[in-house]
Structures are given as C-alpha cells and as structure tokens.
Amino acid sequence: MALFNRKSTAATPTAVIEAPAADPALAALTGTYTIDPAHSSIGFTVRHAMVTNVRGSFGEHEGTLTLDGSDPANSSAAIDVKIASVDTGIGDRDGHLVSGDFFDAEKFPLMTYRSTRAEQLGGDAYRITGDLTIKDVTRPLSIDLEFNGSATDVYGNERVGFEGSTDILRSDWGLTWNAALETGGVMVSDKVKLTFDISAIKAAPQA
C-alpha cells in the first residue's frame, strides 16, 4: 500500500484526464506522529581493520513525523539523537566514540536531522532530503525509505512504520580519526552506512 497517491497529468488531444480521488484510508494517515524509541532503531555499520564490519546503534533518540496523505511534498521529519547513547557492544569502543577523537559528546551531545524535502519514488518507496548535523557541521543528506504500512496497536495507538538506509562519508562531518595498519589500509573506513527502522504513533487531534 502506498502512503501517497501520485496525481496523473496525462492528457488526450480531446480531454484532460482528471487525477483520481484520494483513497480515504490513505488520507486518514495524515497527521503528526511521535517516534516510539522503544520500537525504533537508528543504527550504523562501518568497516573495521579492512576485514569485518562493526555494527552499532543509538539507544536514545526522539523525533516527529508530519505526514500528508495526499501530497508527500508536504511531509517532514525531525530527529534528535543522543550521542552518548551509542552502543557497539564494547564499552571501551563506545567510550572512544564519544570522546574528542570522534563525536566529542560532551561538547556536542546531539546529532540532528531536519528534513527539507520529501518525495515518492514509486509504490511504497520514498526519499526524504534534509540537513544532518554532527558536531558543528551541517550537510545535506537524502535517505531512501520504504513505507511498511499502518496499524492500530493493542493500546489503540495508530502507528506507521518506515525503514531505510543511506551511506555517508564520516569525514564530511569532521569525523576523521584513524590509524594506519601495518599491512596497509586504515583501522576505520570513511564510509558509514546509516540504518533506520521507525515506528511512530499518531498524535491525538487537537480539541
């Protein structure tokens, strides 16, 4: 099920084909949603020592999605991630990541994302573009997402789900620490894959 319907602009020499009416079920998804951190994850994968991947996630994050069930261009997202919540499964490595060599979490406690554009790519595929800020660097970033659907949970909450990923070069955000290997190459790759698995709860309408 697509979250947003595309409008047809096709025409014949004698008549203009009107856009189909919006699906009421999809239009009903329009609203503001709060990301549920207990059922969402923001993670990353990075090559280590040229031979394997290290995976990690940020356990503390919050954000909102504003969805328009008729026009995806009116949708938006805002996410704040607490850097100190990084977890790769090894305490010493996590401590290094939050230090001045990498994120410098004491000085820059949050990583933020603010969308500037949303578009449908086809079917349930979407792309959101916005500004990612890490430390004191802000750069544009596009994230491809798949809409996983909507449901009402056992507590009566209306939920939507998205998952997606994108690749970045960490050096673009000033994360340049590395160490050379005796056999050639470096300890940590510049390329990092970011992953998103989001469940969000629709806010009650204002009285």
Protein backbone atom coordinates (compact mmCIF):
# COMPACT_ATOMS: atom_id res chain seq x y z
CA MET A 1 0.00 0.00 0.00
CA ALA A 2 1.39 3.36 -0.98
CA LEU A 3 1.15 6.10 1.59
CA PHE A 4 0.74 8.78 -1.02
CA ASN A 5 -1.13 8.69 -4.32
CA ARG A 6 0.51 10.21 -7.34
CA LYS A 7 -1.60 12.56 -9.41
CA SER A 8 -1.90 11.82 -13.09
CA THR A 9 -1.12 14.64 -15.52
CA ALA A 10 -1.73 12.56 -18.66
CA ALA A 11 -3.98 14.08 -21.30
CA THR A 12 -5.57 13.15 -24.63
CA PRO A 13 -5.97 15.51 -27.59
CA THR A 14 -9.64 15.94 -26.74
CA ALA A 15 -9.83 15.69 -22.95
CA VAL A 16 -7.83 16.08 -19.79
CA ILE A 17 -7.76 13.04 -17.52
CA GLU A 18 -8.53 14.12 -14.00
CA ALA A 19 -6.50 12.84 -11.06
CA PRO A 20 -8.23 10.02 -9.18
CA ALA A 21 -9.76 10.83 -5.85
CA ALA A 22 -7.52 10.23 -2.86
CA ASP A 23 -8.01 6.93 -1.07
CA PRO A 24 -9.83 7.80 2.20
CA ALA A 25 -7.80 5.18 4.08
CA LEU A 26 -4.55 6.81 3.00
CA ALA A 27 -5.82 10.32 3.60
CA ALA A 28 -6.66 9.24 7.16
CA LEU A 29 -2.93 8.76 7.84
CA THR A 30 -2.35 12.49 7.53
CA GLY A 31 -1.18 13.94 10.83
CA THR A 32 1.70 14.35 13.24
CA TYR A 33 3.42 11.28 14.65
CA THR A 34 5.85 10.85 17.53
CA ILE A 35 8.66 8.36 17.00
CA ASP A 36 8.42 5.50 19.51
CA PRO A 37 12.01 4.89 20.67
CA ALA A 38 11.09 1.58 22.29
CA HIS A 39 10.14 0.15 18.89
CA SER A 40 12.51 2.06 16.64
CA SER A 41 16.22 1.85 15.94
CA ILE A 42 18.84 4.14 14.45
CA GLY A 43 21.98 2.24 13.65
CA PHE A 44 25.19 2.22 11.67
CA THR A 45 27.66 -0.18 10.07
CA VAL A 46 31.32 0.63 9.44
CA ARG A 47 34.23 -1.44 8.13
CA HIS A 48 36.87 -2.24 10.78
CA ALA A 49 40.50 -3.12 10.04
CA MET A 50 39.58 -3.62 6.37
CA VAL A 51 38.20 -7.12 7.02
CA THR A 52 34.97 -7.00 9.03
CA ASN A 53 32.01 -4.80 9.93
CA VAL A 54 31.24 -3.21 13.27
CA ARG A 55 27.57 -2.50 13.93
CA GLY A 56 26.16 -0.14 16.48
CA SER A 57 23.10 1.89 17.38
CA PHE A 58 21.98 4.93 19.33
CA GLY A 59 19.65 3.91 22.14
CA GLU A 60 18.25 7.35 22.93
CA HIS A 61 16.51 9.40 20.27
CA GLU A 62 13.31 11.32 19.75
CA GLY A 63 11.54 12.90 16.84
CA THR A 64 8.37 13.66 14.96
CA LEU A 65 6.98 12.88 11.53
CA THR A 66 4.41 15.06 9.82
CA LEU A 67 2.68 13.06 7.09
CA ASP A 68 0.41 14.32 4.35
CA GLY A 69 -1.67 11.50 2.90
CA SER A 70 -2.45 13.45 -0.25
CA ASP A 71 0.82 15.18 -1.11
CA PRO A 72 4.19 13.78 0.03
CA ALA A 73 5.87 17.12 -0.60
CA ASN A 74 4.10 18.43 2.48
CA SER A 75 5.55 15.71 4.73
CA SER A 76 8.52 16.32 7.03
CA ALA A 77 10.69 14.76 9.73
CA ALA A 78 12.75 15.98 12.68
CA ILE A 79 15.00 13.67 14.72
CA ASP A 80 17.38 14.27 17.65
CA VAL A 81 19.84 11.55 18.61
CA LYS A 82 21.76 11.50 21.91
CA ILE A 83 25.39 10.75 21.02
CA ALA A 84 26.25 9.39 24.48
CA SER A 85 23.75 6.56 23.92
CA VAL A 86 25.94 4.94 21.24
CA ASP A 87 26.25 1.18 21.74
CA THR A 88 28.52 -1.16 19.77
CA GLY A 89 28.57 -3.87 22.42
CA ILE A 90 32.05 -2.98 23.72
CA GLY A 91 32.33 -0.32 26.42
CA ASP A 92 35.87 0.78 25.61
CA ARG A 93 34.97 1.30 21.96
CA ASP A 94 31.86 3.24 22.89
CA GLY A 95 33.96 5.43 25.18
CA HIS A 96 36.33 6.16 22.30
CA LEU A 97 33.43 7.08 20.01
CA VAL A 98 32.03 9.67 22.43
CA SER A 99 35.50 11.16 23.07
CA GLY A 100 37.08 14.09 21.28
CA ASP A 101 38.62 11.72 18.73
CA PHE A 102 35.18 11.14 17.26
CA PHE A 103 31.86 12.70 18.34
CA ASP A 104 33.05 14.77 21.32
CA ALA A 105 29.69 14.10 23.01
CA GLU A 106 30.39 16.37 25.98
CA LYS A 107 30.63 19.39 23.70
CA PHE A 108 28.19 18.22 21.02
CA PRO A 109 25.61 15.99 22.77
CA LEU A 110 23.15 15.70 19.87
CA MET A 111 23.12 14.58 16.26
CA THR A 112 20.13 16.12 14.49
CA TYR A 113 18.26 15.71 11.23
CA ARG A 114 15.76 18.21 9.81
CA SER A 115 14.05 17.41 6.54
CA THR A 116 13.70 19.95 3.74
CA ARG A 117 12.02 17.83 1.06
CA ALA A 118 10.01 14.63 0.69
CA GLU A 119 9.07 12.76 -2.47
CA GLN A 120 7.54 9.49 -3.63
CA LEU A 121 9.79 7.32 -5.81
CA GLY A 122 7.08 4.83 -6.68
CA GLY A 123 4.88 2.38 -4.79
CA ASP A 124 5.94 2.30 -1.14
CA ALA A 125 9.37 3.84 -1.83
CA TYR A 126 10.09 7.40 -0.71
CA ARG A 127 13.04 9.71 -0.39
CA ILE A 128 13.49 12.34 2.27
CA THR A 129 16.15 15.02 1.97
CA GLY A 130 17.31 17.26 4.77
CA ASP A 131 20.16 18.60 6.88
CA LEU A 132 22.21 16.26 9.07
CA THR A 133 24.20 17.97 11.82
CA ILE A 134 27.06 16.17 13.59
CA LYS A 135 29.26 18.18 15.93
CA ASP A 136 29.35 21.66 14.37
CA VAL A 137 28.95 20.53 10.74
CA THR A 138 25.65 20.58 8.84
CA ARG A 139 25.40 18.96 5.42
CA PRO A 140 22.52 17.81 3.18
CA LEU A 141 21.58 14.14 3.27
CA SER A 142 18.98 12.09 1.39
CA ILE A 143 17.52 8.90 2.89
CA ASP A 144 15.60 6.30 0.88
CA LEU A 145 12.71 4.84 2.87
CA GLU A 146 10.14 2.11 2.48
CA PHE A 147 6.69 2.56 3.98
CA ASN A 148 5.91 -0.65 5.90
CA GLY A 149 2.27 0.15 6.50
CA SER A 150 -0.03 1.32 9.26
CA ALA A 151 -1.90 -0.39 12.10
CA THR A 152 -3.74 0.20 15.33
CA ASP A 153 -1.92 -1.49 18.21
CA VAL A 154 -3.47 -3.26 21.21
CA TYR A 155 -3.49 0.02 23.16
CA GLY A 156 -5.45 1.84 20.46
CA ASN A 157 -2.46 3.78 19.12
CA GLU A 158 -2.40 4.47 15.39
CA ARG A 159 1.07 3.57 14.10
CA VAL A 160 3.03 3.88 10.89
CA GLY A 161 6.31 2.18 10.07
CA PHE A 162 9.25 3.08 7.83
CA GLU A 163 12.66 1.55 7.25
CA GLY A 164 15.56 2.79 5.18
CA SER A 165 19.25 3.45 4.86
CA THR A 166 21.86 5.74 3.37
CA ASP A 167 25.64 5.92 3.08
CA ILE A 168 27.79 8.82 4.26
CA LEU A 169 31.46 9.67 4.42
CA ARG A 170 32.14 10.43 8.07
CA SER A 171 34.97 12.79 7.09
CA ASP A 172 32.35 15.10 5.56
CA TRP A 173 31.20 15.77 9.14
CA GLY A 174 34.69 16.15 10.60
CA LEU A 175 34.95 12.59 11.95
CA THR A 176 38.46 11.96 10.69
CA TRP A 177 40.26 9.94 13.40
CA ASN A 178 42.03 6.87 12.07
CA ALA A 179 45.06 4.63 12.50
CA ALA A 180 47.20 3.06 9.79
CA LEU A 181 47.55 -0.73 9.66
CA GLU A 182 50.92 -2.41 9.23
CA THR A 183 49.53 -4.44 6.35
CA GLY A 184 48.16 -1.36 4.62
CA GLY A 185 44.88 0.43 4.85
CA VAL A 186 43.31 2.01 7.91
CA MET A 187 41.55 0.91 11.10
CA VAL A 188 38.17 2.54 10.37
CA SER A 189 36.64 3.11 6.95
CA ASP A 190 35.45 6.54 5.91
CA LYS A 191 32.20 5.13 4.54
CA VAL A 192 29.44 4.52 7.08
CA LYS A 193 26.02 3.01 6.41
CA LEU A 194 23.20 4.52 8.44
CA THR A 195 20.04 2.47 9.00
CA PHE A 196 16.60 3.49 10.21
CA ASP A 197 13.70 1.34 11.44
CA ILE A 198 10.98 3.68 12.62
CA SER A 199 7.67 3.11 14.35
CA ALA A 200 5.70 6.27 15.08
CA ILE A 201 2.47 6.93 16.95
CA LYS A 202 -0.13 9.39 15.69
CA ALA A 203 -0.87 12.29 17.97
CA ALA A 204 -4.43 12.81 19.11
CA PRO A 205 -6.20 15.62 17.23
CA GLN A 206 -6.28 18.96 18.95
CA ALA A 207 -9.56 19.77 20.63
